[in-house]
């Protein structure tokens, strides 16, 4: 009788401990959050993306942070050269990257939303030219050529048209080359270009062309394998991006 009673006490104690362990395990898992590693261009492009005290700042990062918070995931931003970001996401070293224009080739390599909703921002790309110059897509004949950020869709567009300068410049230096007459023009997103003109005191020397090379939208595409493993999570993030974008338009005072 004593042995039997002792066994019953041990059994109850064991069951009690098991219940406590299960509760703790369940609780810890319920509060665990997925961490997404998201790559972006290392160069500073205010007000969209820039580094401040080794932290990613700007409109696009705010949109992604807000969307991630609403989707209850954690975001780790990783700044690298744009071509390296693309390789990292395709290889699975990062989960996603921004800001990317969707093309048929990229659609094969990354997971994009299959609708316009879920995009980060609508971007326009004029040609930044000297104040006294004009630019026409139909009449332009290269002299010194045009510049654009390497690896970008606008760079590829210029390359296909044989309009590229033989020299490669980042946006800040490229705009300075336009001011010095060493480039016919430089193609970069309008708000980024205007900010760089102001920061480098070139606003009175260079202007954006009225005719634009490209109007497009920017996306946050994901690694294909990660998307197949987590389709609901990815679609939730894209949906939250729509809400965050509209919310932050007012904060950043953008049209």
C-alpha atoms as a PDB file:
ATOM      1  CA  UNK A   1       0.000   0.000   0.000  1.00  0.00           C
ATOM      2  CA  UNK A   2       2.801   2.416   0.866  1.00  0.00           C
ATOM      3  CA  UNK A   3       4.646   1.662  -2.397  1.00  0.00           C
ATOM      4  CA  UNK A   4       1.460   2.051  -4.406  1.00  0.00           C
ATOM      5  CA  UNK A   5       0.651   5.399  -2.767  1.00  0.00           C
ATOM      6  CA  UNK A   6       4.195   6.607  -3.354  1.00  0.00           C
ATOM      7  CA  UNK A   7       3.948   5.642  -7.044  1.00  0.00           C
ATOM      8  CA  UNK A   8       0.691   7.540  -7.362  1.00  0.00           C
ATOM      9  CA  UNK A   9       2.305  10.642  -5.834  1.00  0.00           C
ATOM     10  CA  UNK A  10       5.262  10.366  -8.238  1.00  0.00           C
ATOM     11  CA  UNK A  11       2.907   9.886 -11.190  1.00  0.00           C
ATOM     12  CA  UNK A  12       0.899  12.976 -10.247  1.00  0.00           C
ATOM     13  CA  UNK A  13       4.105  14.958  -9.790  1.00  0.00           C
ATOM     14  CA  UNK A  14       5.414  13.817 -13.182  1.00  0.00           C
ATOM     15  CA  UNK A  15       2.144  14.716 -14.900  1.00  0.00           C
ATOM     16  CA  UNK A  16       2.169  18.133 -13.211  1.00  0.00           C
ATOM     17  CA  UNK A  17       5.738  18.833 -14.376  1.00  0.00           C
ATOM     18  CA  UNK A  18       4.900  17.706 -17.900  1.00  0.00           C
ATOM     19  CA  UNK A  19       1.952  20.074 -18.008  1.00  0.00           C
ATOM     20  CA  UNK A  20       4.093  22.970 -16.824  1.00  0.00           C
ATOM     21  CA  UNK A  21       6.776  22.202 -19.454  1.00  0.00           C
ATOM     22  CA  UNK A  22       4.161  22.044 -22.213  1.00  0.00           C
ATOM     23  CA  UNK A  23       2.661  25.373 -21.139  1.00  0.00           C
ATOM     24  CA  UNK A  24       6.078  27.043 -21.066  1.00  0.00           C
ATOM     25  CA  UNK A  25       7.035  25.588 -24.442  1.00  0.00           C
ATOM     26  CA  UNK A  26       3.749  26.685 -26.019  1.00  0.00           C
ATOM     27  CA  UNK A  27       4.037  30.165 -24.529  1.00  0.00           C
ATOM     28  CA  UNK A  28       7.572  30.678 -25.753  1.00  0.00           C
ATOM     29  CA  UNK A  29       6.617  29.540 -29.258  1.00  0.00           C
ATOM     30  CA  UNK A  30       3.532  31.744 -29.355  1.00  0.00           C
ATOM     31  CA  UNK A  31       5.715  34.804 -28.800  1.00  0.00           C
ATOM     32  CA  UNK A  32       8.445  33.736 -31.231  1.00  0.00           C
ATOM     33  CA  UNK A  33       8.591  36.001 -34.307  1.00  0.00           C
ATOM     34  CA  UNK A  34       9.932  35.233 -37.737  1.00  0.00           C
ATOM     35  CA  UNK A  35      12.979  37.334 -38.626  1.00  0.00           C
ATOM     36  CA  UNK A  36      13.257  38.432 -42.249  1.00  0.00           C
ATOM     37  CA  UNK A  37      16.648  39.413 -43.638  1.00  0.00           C
ATOM     38  CA  UNK A  38      16.001  42.095 -46.258  1.00  0.00           C
ATOM     39  CA  UNK A  39      18.748  43.469 -48.491  1.00  0.00           C
ATOM     40  CA  UNK A  40      18.855  46.984 -49.941  1.00  0.00           C
ATOM     41  CA  UNK A  41      21.202  49.196 -51.938  1.00  0.00           C
ATOM     42  CA  UNK A  42      24.104  50.363 -49.760  1.00  0.00           C
ATOM     43  CA  UNK A  43      24.181  53.840 -51.325  1.00  0.00           C
ATOM     44  CA  UNK A  44      22.184  56.647 -49.729  1.00  0.00           C
ATOM     45  CA  UNK A  45      19.105  57.768 -51.680  1.00  0.00           C
ATOM     46  CA  UNK A  46      17.186  60.162 -49.399  1.00  0.00           C
ATOM     47  CA  UNK A  47      14.362  60.423 -48.733  1.00  0.00           C
ATOM     48  CA  UNK A  48      13.710  56.825 -49.771  1.00  0.00           C
ATOM     49  CA  UNK A  49      16.665  55.019 -48.162  1.00  0.00           C
ATOM     50  CA  UNK A  50      19.786  56.167 -46.315  1.00  0.00           C
ATOM     51  CA  UNK A  51      22.076  55.164 -43.463  1.00  0.00           C
ATOM     52  CA  UNK A  52      22.081  57.039 -40.158  1.00  0.00           C
ATOM     53  CA  UNK A  53      24.170  55.745 -37.242  1.00  0.00           C
ATOM     54  CA  UNK A  54      24.458  52.393 -39.075  1.00  0.00           C
ATOM     55  CA  UNK A  55      20.667  52.097 -39.229  1.00  0.00           C
ATOM     56  CA  UNK A  56      18.509  52.021 -42.374  1.00  0.00           C
ATOM     57  CA  UNK A  57      16.233  55.067 -42.515  1.00  0.00           C
ATOM     58  CA  UNK A  58      13.823  56.609 -44.993  1.00  0.00           C
ATOM     59  CA  UNK A  59      10.379  56.258 -46.523  1.00  0.00           C
ATOM     60  CA  UNK A  60      10.830  52.756 -47.938  1.00  0.00           C
ATOM     61  CA  UNK A  61      12.272  51.356 -44.720  1.00  0.00           C
ATOM     62  CA  UNK A  62       9.416  52.939 -42.749  1.00  0.00           C
ATOM     63  CA  UNK A  63       6.870  51.300 -45.059  1.00  0.00           C
ATOM     64  CA  UNK A  64       8.531  47.894 -44.636  1.00  0.00           C
ATOM     65  CA  UNK A  65       8.952  48.280 -40.862  1.00  0.00           C
ATOM     66  CA  UNK A  66       5.306  49.237 -40.440  1.00  0.00           C
ATOM     67  CA  UNK A  67       4.140  46.352 -42.634  1.00  0.00           C
ATOM     68  CA  UNK A  68       6.374  43.890 -40.764  1.00  0.00           C
ATOM     69  CA  UNK A  69       5.145  45.082 -37.380  1.00  0.00           C
ATOM     70  CA  UNK A  70       1.522  44.657 -38.460  1.00  0.00           C
ATOM     71  CA  UNK A  71       2.361  41.187 -39.802  1.00  0.00           C
ATOM     72  CA  UNK A  72       4.128  40.415 -36.497  1.00  0.00           C
ATOM     73  CA  UNK A  73       7.522  39.660 -38.015  1.00  0.00           C
ATOM     74  CA  UNK A  74      10.955  41.141 -37.280  1.00  0.00           C
ATOM     75  CA  UNK A  75      13.049  42.755 -40.010  1.00  0.00           C
ATOM     76  CA  UNK A  76      16.833  42.781 -40.277  1.00  0.00           C
ATOM     77  CA  UNK A  77      18.065  45.196 -42.964  1.00  0.00           C
ATOM     78  CA  UNK A  78      21.294  44.431 -44.808  1.00  0.00           C
ATOM     79  CA  UNK A  79      23.001  47.144 -46.915  1.00  0.00           C
ATOM     80  CA  UNK A  80      25.025  45.868 -49.890  1.00  0.00           C
ATOM     81  CA  UNK A  81      25.785  46.815 -53.511  1.00  0.00           C
ATOM     82  CA  UNK A  82      22.671  46.233 -55.603  1.00  0.00           C
ATOM     83  CA  UNK A  83      24.081  43.382 -57.705  1.00  0.00           C
ATOM     84  CA  UNK A  84      25.217  41.606 -54.521  1.00  0.00           C
ATOM     85  CA  UNK A  85      21.726  41.969 -53.031  1.00  0.00           C
ATOM     86  CA  UNK A  86      20.237  40.270 -56.058  1.00  0.00           C
ATOM     87  CA  UNK A  87      22.689  37.367 -55.828  1.00  0.00           C
ATOM     88  CA  UNK A  88      22.103  36.972 -52.079  1.00  0.00           C
ATOM     89  CA  UNK A  89      18.332  36.737 -52.451  1.00  0.00           C
ATOM     90  CA  UNK A  90      18.528  34.280 -55.357  1.00  0.00           C
ATOM     91  CA  UNK A  91      20.952  32.146 -53.310  1.00  0.00           C
ATOM     92  CA  UNK A  92      18.721  32.297 -50.213  1.00  0.00           C
ATOM     93  CA  UNK A  93      21.217  34.250 -48.103  1.00  0.00           C
ATOM     94  CA  UNK A  94      18.581  36.995 -47.770  1.00  0.00           C
ATOM     95  CA  UNK A  95      14.804  36.589 -47.852  1.00  0.00           C
ATOM     96  CA  UNK A  96      13.891  39.681 -49.907  1.00  0.00           C
ATOM     97  CA  UNK A  97      15.249  42.907 -51.372  1.00  0.00           C
ATOM     98  CA  UNK A  98      14.094  46.403 -52.281  1.00  0.00           C
ATOM     99  CA  UNK A  99      13.390  48.497 -54.201  1.00  0.00           C
ATOM    100  CA  UNK A 100      13.089  46.409 -57.368  1.00  0.00           C
ATOM    101  CA  UNK A 101      11.328  47.041 -60.676  1.00  0.00           C
ATOM    102  CA  UNK A 102       9.497  43.997 -62.012  1.00  0.00           C
ATOM    103  CA  UNK A 103      10.639  42.647 -65.407  1.00  0.00           C
ATOM    104  CA  UNK A 104       9.874  39.333 -67.155  1.00  0.00           C
ATOM    105  CA  UNK A 105      13.368  38.042 -66.331  1.00  0.00           C
ATOM    106  CA  UNK A 106      13.203  39.110 -62.685  1.00  0.00           C
ATOM    107  CA  UNK A 107       9.743  37.581 -62.376  1.00  0.00           C
ATOM    108  CA  UNK A 108      11.389  34.216 -63.125  1.00  0.00           C
ATOM    109  CA  UNK A 109      14.083  34.781 -60.500  1.00  0.00           C
ATOM    110  CA  UNK A 110      12.083  36.260 -57.597  1.00  0.00           C
ATOM    111  CA  UNK A 111       8.590  36.044 -56.129  1.00  0.00           C
ATOM    112  CA  UNK A 112       6.604  39.217 -56.916  1.00  0.00           C
ATOM    113  CA  UNK A 113       2.965  40.028 -56.190  1.00  0.00           C
ATOM    114  CA  UNK A 114       0.893  39.113 -59.240  1.00  0.00           C
ATOM    115  CA  UNK A 115      -1.006  42.385 -59.074  1.00  0.00           C
ATOM    116  CA  UNK A 116      -0.073  46.069 -58.763  1.00  0.00           C
ATOM    117  CA  UNK A 117      -1.158  46.093 -55.133  1.00  0.00           C
ATOM    118  CA  UNK A 118       1.652  45.183 -52.777  1.00  0.00           C
ATOM    119  CA  UNK A 119       4.116  47.598 -54.361  1.00  0.00           C
ATOM    120  CA  UNK A 120       6.280  49.923 -52.291  1.00  0.00           C
ATOM    121  CA  UNK A 121       6.119  53.097 -54.366  1.00  0.00           C
ATOM    122  CA  UNK A 122       5.486  54.559 -57.813  1.00  0.00           C
ATOM    123  CA  UNK A 123       8.730  55.937 -59.237  1.00  0.00           C
ATOM    124  CA  UNK A 124       9.409  58.238 -62.186  1.00  0.00           C
ATOM    125  CA  UNK A 125      12.737  58.574 -63.983  1.00  0.00           C
ATOM    126  CA  UNK A 126      13.439  61.792 -65.909  1.00  0.00           C
ATOM    127  CA  UNK A 127      16.795  62.637 -67.472  1.00  0.00           C
ATOM    128  CA  UNK A 128      18.643  65.253 -65.435  1.00  0.00           C
ATOM    129  CA  UNK A 129      20.137  67.753 -67.882  1.00  0.00           C
ATOM    130  CA  UNK A 130      21.698  71.205 -67.878  1.00  0.00           C
ATOM    131  CA  UNK A 131      19.240  74.054 -67.322  1.00  0.00           C
ATOM    132  CA  UNK A 132      19.784  75.399 -70.841  1.00  0.00           C
ATOM    133  CA  UNK A 133      19.284  71.975 -72.488  1.00  0.00           C
ATOM    134  CA  UNK A 134      16.245  70.034 -73.639  1.00  0.00           C
ATOM    135  CA  UNK A 135      15.699  66.300 -73.932  1.00  0.00           C
ATOM    136  CA  UNK A 136      13.463  64.306 -76.262  1.00  0.00           C
ATOM    137  CA  UNK A 137      13.190  60.524 -76.383  1.00  0.00           C
ATOM    138  CA  UNK A 138      12.560  60.624 -80.124  1.00  0.00           C
ATOM    139  CA  UNK A 139      15.208  63.208 -81.065  1.00  0.00           C
ATOM    140  CA  UNK A 140      18.095  62.471 -78.686  1.00  0.00           C
ATOM    141  CA  UNK A 141      21.442  61.752 -80.363  1.00  0.00           C
ATOM    142  CA  UNK A 142      24.250  60.816 -77.936  1.00  0.00           C
ATOM    143  CA  UNK A 143      27.244  63.127 -77.684  1.00  0.00           C
ATOM    144  CA  UNK A 144      28.847  62.381 -74.307  1.00  0.00           C
ATOM    145  CA  UNK A 145      26.139  59.841 -73.524  1.00  0.00           C
ATOM    146  CA  UNK A 146      23.826  59.369 -70.543  1.00  0.00           C
ATOM    147  CA  UNK A 147      24.546  57.835 -67.154  1.00  0.00           C
ATOM    148  CA  UNK A 148      22.468  55.763 -64.710  1.00  0.00           C
ATOM    149  CA  UNK A 149      23.120  53.596 -61.627  1.00  0.00           C
ATOM    150  CA  UNK A 150      24.803  50.330 -62.645  1.00  0.00           C
ATOM    151  CA  UNK A 151      22.520  47.293 -62.620  1.00  0.00           C
ATOM    152  CA  UNK A 152      19.308  49.300 -62.530  1.00  0.00           C
ATOM    153  CA  UNK A 153      16.521  48.878 -65.096  1.00  0.00           C
ATOM    154  CA  UNK A 154      17.114  52.427 -66.352  1.00  0.00           C
ATOM    155  CA  UNK A 155      20.775  51.524 -66.954  1.00  0.00           C
ATOM    156  CA  UNK A 156      19.652  48.506 -68.978  1.00  0.00           C
ATOM    157  CA  UNK A 157      17.212  50.692 -70.917  1.00  0.00           C
ATOM    158  CA  UNK A 158      19.969  53.144 -71.843  1.00  0.00           C
ATOM    159  CA  UNK A 159      22.263  50.273 -72.768  1.00  0.00           C
ATOM    160  CA  UNK A 160      19.659  48.792 -75.123  1.00  0.00           C
ATOM    161  CA  UNK A 161      19.216  52.163 -76.806  1.00  0.00           C
ATOM    162  CA  UNK A 162      23.021  52.603 -77.108  1.00  0.00           C
ATOM    163  CA  UNK A 163      22.732  55.844 -75.153  1.00  0.00           C
ATOM    164  CA  UNK A 164      25.098  54.941 -72.301  1.00  0.00           C
ATOM    165  CA  UNK A 165      28.256  56.866 -71.587  1.00  0.00           C
ATOM    166  CA  UNK A 166      31.378  54.662 -71.707  1.00  0.00           C
ATOM    167  CA  UNK A 167      32.088  55.836 -68.137  1.00  0.00           C
ATOM    168  CA  UNK A 168      30.198  54.632 -65.064  1.00  0.00           C
ATOM    169  CA  UNK A 169      29.170  57.085 -62.312  1.00  0.00           C
ATOM    170  CA  UNK A 170      27.068  56.823 -59.186  1.00  0.00           C
ATOM    171  CA  UNK A 171      24.160  59.334 -59.022  1.00  0.00           C
ATOM    172  CA  UNK A 172      25.939  62.050 -57.049  1.00  0.00           C
ATOM    173  CA  UNK A 173      29.058  62.023 -59.238  1.00  0.00           C
ATOM    174  CA  UNK A 174      26.969  61.547 -62.379  1.00  0.00           C
ATOM    175  CA  UNK A 175      25.023  64.743 -61.736  1.00  0.00           C
ATOM    176  CA  UNK A 176      28.281  66.586 -61.174  1.00  0.00           C
ATOM    177  CA  UNK A 177      29.518  65.284 -64.533  1.00  0.00           C
ATOM    178  CA  UNK A 178      26.386  66.704 -66.164  1.00  0.00           C
ATOM    179  CA  UNK A 179      27.108  70.077 -64.553  1.00  0.00           C
ATOM    180  CA  UNK A 180      30.678  69.936 -65.928  1.00  0.00           C
ATOM    181  CA  UNK A 181      29.495  69.059 -69.440  1.00  0.00           C
ATOM    182  CA  UNK A 182      31.013  65.563 -69.300  1.00  0.00           C
ATOM    183  CA  UNK A 183      27.633  63.818 -69.640  1.00  0.00           C
ATOM    184  CA  UNK A 184      24.602  64.727 -71.717  1.00  0.00           C
ATOM    185  CA  UNK A 185      22.424  63.767 -68.787  1.00  0.00           C
ATOM    186  CA  UNK A 186      21.916  61.352 -65.916  1.00  0.00           C
ATOM    187  CA  UNK A 187      18.866  59.169 -65.240  1.00  0.00           C
ATOM    188  CA  UNK A 188      17.837  58.665 -61.644  1.00  0.00           C
ATOM    189  CA  UNK A 189      14.519  58.637 -59.775  1.00  0.00           C
ATOM    190  CA  UNK A 190      13.117  62.169 -59.635  1.00  0.00           C
ATOM    191  CA  UNK A 191      12.980  62.779 -55.868  1.00  0.00           C
ATOM    192  CA  UNK A 192      16.411  61.227 -55.351  1.00  0.00           C
ATOM    193  CA  UNK A 193      17.839  63.438 -58.104  1.00  0.00           C
ATOM    194  CA  UNK A 194      16.230  66.587 -56.740  1.00  0.00           C
ATOM    195  CA  UNK A 195      17.617  65.854 -53.279  1.00  0.00           C
ATOM    196  CA  UNK A 196      21.120  65.347 -54.683  1.00  0.00           C
ATOM    197  CA  UNK A 197      20.891  68.602 -56.654  1.00  0.00           C
ATOM    198  CA  UNK A 198      19.944  70.475 -53.502  1.00  0.00           C
ATOM    199  CA  UNK A 199      22.636  68.780 -51.373  1.00  0.00           C
ATOM    200  CA  UNK A 200      25.338  69.585 -53.947  1.00  0.00           C
ATOM    201  CA  UNK A 201      24.107  73.104 -54.748  1.00  0.00           C
ATOM    202  CA  UNK A 202      23.326  72.171 -58.345  1.00  0.00           C
ATOM    203  CA  UNK A 203      19.640  73.130 -58.438  1.00  0.00           C
ATOM    204  CA  UNK A 204      20.374  76.252 -60.502  1.00  0.00           C
ATOM    205  CA  UNK A 205      22.551  74.307 -62.948  1.00  0.00           C
ATOM    206  CA  UNK A 206      20.641  71.058 -63.601  1.00  0.00           C
ATOM    207  CA  UNK A 207      16.957  70.257 -64.046  1.00  0.00           C
ATOM    208  CA  UNK A 208      14.842  67.128 -64.647  1.00  0.00           C
ATOM    209  CA  UNK A 209      13.551  66.747 -68.193  1.00  0.00           C
ATOM    210  CA  UNK A 210       9.815  67.107 -68.827  1.00  0.00           C
ATOM    211  CA  UNK A 211       9.825  63.885 -70.829  1.00  0.00           C
ATOM    212  CA  UNK A 212      10.603  60.837 -68.719  1.00  0.00           C
ATOM    213  CA  UNK A 213      12.555  57.734 -69.629  1.00  0.00           C
ATOM    214  CA  UNK A 214      10.516  55.482 -67.367  1.00  0.00           C
ATOM    215  CA  UNK A 215       7.500  55.466 -65.027  1.00  0.00           C
ATOM    216  CA  UNK A 216       7.277  52.320 -62.935  1.00  0.00           C
ATOM    217  CA  UNK A 217       6.598  50.824 -59.524  1.00  0.00           C
ATOM    218  CA  UNK A 218       9.000  49.486 -56.913  1.00  0.00           C
ATOM    219  CA  UNK A 219       8.474  46.135 -55.193  1.00  0.00           C
ATOM    220  CA  UNK A 220       9.742  44.039 -52.301  1.00  0.00           C
ATOM    221  CA  UNK A 221      10.227  40.637 -54.033  1.00  0.00           C
ATOM    222  CA  UNK A 222      11.145  37.478 -52.106  1.00  0.00           C
ATOM    223  CA  UNK A 223      13.355  34.459 -52.609  1.00  0.00           C
ATOM    224  CA  UNK A 224      11.336  31.903 -54.614  1.00  0.00           C
ATOM    225  CA  UNK A 225      11.936  28.993 -52.226  1.00  0.00           C
ATOM    226  CA  UNK A 226      11.052  31.057 -49.137  1.00  0.00           C
ATOM    227  CA  UNK A 227       7.853  32.181 -50.835  1.00  0.00           C
ATOM    228  CA  UNK A 228       6.836  28.586 -51.633  1.00  0.00           C
ATOM    229  CA  UNK A 229       7.443  27.624 -47.994  1.00  0.00           C
ATOM    230  CA  UNK A 230       5.674  30.708 -46.548  1.00  0.00           C
ATOM    231  CA  UNK A 231       3.086  31.962 -49.080  1.00  0.00           C
ATOM    232  CA  UNK A 232       0.581  33.201 -46.499  1.00  0.00           C
ATOM    233  CA  UNK A 233       3.205  35.184 -44.595  1.00  0.00           C
ATOM    234  CA  UNK A 234       4.588  36.805 -47.758  1.00  0.00           C
ATOM    235  CA  UNK A 235       1.140  37.756 -49.033  1.00  0.00           C
ATOM    236  CA  UNK A 236       0.278  39.204 -45.637  1.00  0.00           C
ATOM    237  CA  UNK A 237       3.402  41.390 -45.768  1.00  0.00           C
ATOM    238  CA  UNK A 238       2.502  42.595 -49.281  1.00  0.00           C
ATOM    239  CA  UNK A 239      -1.012  43.429 -48.101  1.00  0.00           C
ATOM    240  CA  UNK A 240       0.349  45.310 -45.101  1.00  0.00           C
ATOM    241  CA  UNK A 241       2.690  47.235 -47.424  1.00  0.00           C
ATOM    242  CA  UNK A 242      -0.356  48.679 -49.193  1.00  0.00           C
ATOM    243  CA  UNK A 243      -1.773  49.972 -45.898  1.00  0.00           C
ATOM    244  CA  UNK A 244       1.601  51.272 -44.687  1.00  0.00           C
ATOM    245  CA  UNK A 245       2.300  53.067 -47.983  1.00  0.00           C
ATOM    246  CA  UNK A 246      -0.978  54.969 -47.861  1.00  0.00           C
ATOM    247  CA  UNK A 247      -0.473  55.766 -44.181  1.00  0.00           C
ATOM    248  CA  UNK A 248       3.059  57.112 -44.674  1.00  0.00           C
ATOM    249  CA  UNK A 249       2.263  59.202 -47.758  1.00  0.00           C
ATOM    250  CA  UNK A 250       0.867  61.839 -45.423  1.00  0.00           C
ATOM    251  CA  UNK A 251       3.829  61.666 -43.035  1.00  0.00           C
ATOM    252  CA  UNK A 252       6.319  62.201 -45.850  1.00  0.00           C
ATOM    253  CA  UNK A 253       4.069  64.711 -47.581  1.00  0.00           C
ATOM    254  CA  UNK A 254       4.367  62.942 -50.933  1.00  0.00           C
ATOM    255  CA  UNK A 255       1.682  63.098 -53.651  1.00  0.00           C
END
